[in-house]
Structures are given as structure tokens and as C-alpha cells.
């Protein structure tokens, strides 16, 4: 594991602990979690990371269970993914579900 990944992983753990004791913004933790997942080649959880396709068009990096992304975003204080992606000129077409 590279030092950079180890440091980011440690920061994620510290932020997670802080969520319960110092109450930092859950949205900050979500963004960090997505960034770490993307850098490790894993699907992201909250849909905050944008990448480019082979033609240079901006797209959402792969999301784990994308049909539930708005439910997860709401739980950490993020707005709907549709609104977030409009800023990037990306249309979101996956129907959302809830448990």
C-alpha cells in the first residue's frame, strides 16, 4: 500500500471516529470516502467523484448500488445526486429506490 493511500485511509478512520464525538460534517466524510474508494479502484458510495470517458466527456465514477445513492446522500446531509450532477452538465437517469 502506498504511503498516500495509507494516510488517506487513516484520515478516513479519524473522521469516522470524529463523527460520533466531535460531529464534523457527514458530507465531508462522504466526499473523502468516495475519493479513497475511487483511488483504490472501488465503486464509490455517494457519487461525488467525477471522471472523464475515453472521449473526454465528464461522467460519474462508478457508484455502488446507484439506485440507492440519494438515500445514502440524504443520510449524510448531501442533496440529491441529480442536483449535484447538473453543475457538471451530467444528466442522472437511474431511478432511485428506498429501503
Protein backbone atom coordinates (compact mmCIF):
# COMPACT_ATOMS: atom_id res chain seq x y z
CA UNK A 1 0.00 0.00 0.00
CA UNK A 2 1.41 3.38 -0.92
CA UNK A 3 2.02 5.95 1.79
CA UNK A 4 -0.58 8.27 0.24
CA UNK A 5 -3.29 5.59 0.40
CA UNK A 6 -2.30 4.70 3.96
CA UNK A 7 -2.55 8.34 5.02
CA UNK A 8 -5.95 8.79 3.34
CA UNK A 9 -7.18 5.58 4.98
CA UNK A 10 -6.03 6.84 8.37
CA UNK A 11 -7.77 10.17 7.81
CA UNK A 12 -10.99 8.37 6.95
CA UNK A 13 -10.80 6.40 10.22
CA UNK A 14 -10.13 9.58 12.21
CA UNK A 15 -13.04 11.39 10.56
CA UNK A 16 -15.33 8.43 11.20
CA UNK A 17 -14.40 8.47 14.90
CA UNK A 18 -14.90 12.23 14.94
CA UNK A 19 -18.40 11.90 13.50
CA UNK A 20 -19.57 10.36 16.74
CA UNK A 21 -17.61 12.56 19.14
CA UNK A 22 -16.96 15.96 17.59
CA UNK A 23 -19.70 15.84 14.96
CA UNK A 24 -17.84 17.10 11.88
CA UNK A 25 -19.88 17.31 8.71
CA UNK A 26 -21.02 13.93 7.47
CA UNK A 27 -20.80 15.27 3.95
CA UNK A 28 -17.05 15.83 4.34
CA UNK A 29 -16.61 12.23 5.41
CA UNK A 30 -18.68 11.07 2.44
CA UNK A 31 -16.53 13.01 -0.04
CA UNK A 32 -13.34 11.63 1.46
CA UNK A 33 -14.73 8.09 1.44
CA UNK A 34 -15.66 8.38 -2.25
CA UNK A 35 -12.23 9.75 -3.15
CA UNK A 36 -10.44 6.92 -1.33
CA UNK A 37 -12.69 4.32 -2.95
CA UNK A 38 -12.05 5.77 -6.40
CA UNK A 39 -8.28 5.87 -5.90
CA UNK A 40 -8.39 2.24 -4.81
CA UNK A 41 -10.37 1.23 -7.92
CA UNK A 42 -13.55 0.54 -5.96
CA UNK A 43 -17.07 1.85 -6.67
CA UNK A 44 -17.90 4.99 -4.73
CA UNK A 45 -20.77 5.26 -2.24
CA UNK A 46 -22.13 8.80 -2.55
CA UNK A 47 -21.50 9.77 -6.18
CA UNK A 48 -19.25 12.75 -5.50
CA UNK A 49 -16.39 11.79 -7.82
CA UNK A 50 -16.44 12.73 -11.49
CA UNK A 51 -14.11 11.35 -14.16
CA UNK A 52 -13.87 11.51 -17.95
CA UNK A 53 -14.70 8.86 -20.52
CA UNK A 54 -12.44 7.97 -23.48
CA UNK A 55 -13.82 10.96 -25.41
CA UNK A 56 -13.14 13.45 -22.62
CA UNK A 57 -16.81 13.73 -21.60
CA UNK A 58 -17.34 14.12 -17.86
CA UNK A 59 -19.12 11.17 -16.26
CA UNK A 60 -19.87 9.94 -12.76
CA UNK A 61 -17.28 7.48 -11.48
CA UNK A 62 -18.81 4.04 -10.82
CA UNK A 63 -21.27 4.00 -7.88
CA UNK A 64 -22.10 1.03 -5.67
CA UNK A 65 -25.86 0.27 -5.91
CA UNK A 66 -26.62 3.52 -7.77
CA UNK A 67 -30.38 3.09 -7.37
CA UNK A 68 -29.93 3.89 -3.63
CA UNK A 69 -27.42 6.75 -3.92
CA UNK A 70 -29.88 9.50 -2.95
CA UNK A 71 -30.89 7.61 0.17
CA UNK A 72 -27.22 7.37 1.22
CA UNK A 73 -26.57 11.01 0.31
CA UNK A 74 -29.55 12.14 2.40
CA UNK A 75 -28.24 10.20 5.42
CA UNK A 76 -25.01 12.24 5.45
CA UNK A 77 -26.53 15.61 4.63
CA UNK A 78 -25.88 15.74 0.87
CA UNK A 79 -28.52 16.87 -1.61
CA UNK A 80 -29.88 14.74 -4.45
CA UNK A 81 -27.34 13.49 -6.96
CA UNK A 82 -29.42 14.97 -9.80
CA UNK A 83 -28.82 18.49 -8.45
CA UNK A 84 -25.10 17.86 -7.84
CA UNK A 85 -24.53 16.50 -11.35
CA UNK A 86 -26.32 19.40 -13.04
CA UNK A 87 -23.33 21.54 -12.00
CA UNK A 88 -21.15 19.26 -14.12
CA UNK A 89 -23.56 19.13 -17.05
CA UNK A 90 -24.31 15.45 -16.37
CA UNK A 91 -27.83 14.00 -16.54
CA UNK A 92 -28.73 11.33 -13.97
CA UNK A 93 -31.18 8.77 -15.37
CA UNK A 94 -31.10 5.96 -12.81
CA UNK A 95 -34.41 5.66 -10.97
CA UNK A 96 -34.00 5.96 -7.23
CA UNK A 97 -35.32 3.46 -4.69
CA UNK A 98 -35.53 3.45 -0.92
CA UNK A 99 -35.47 0.57 1.54
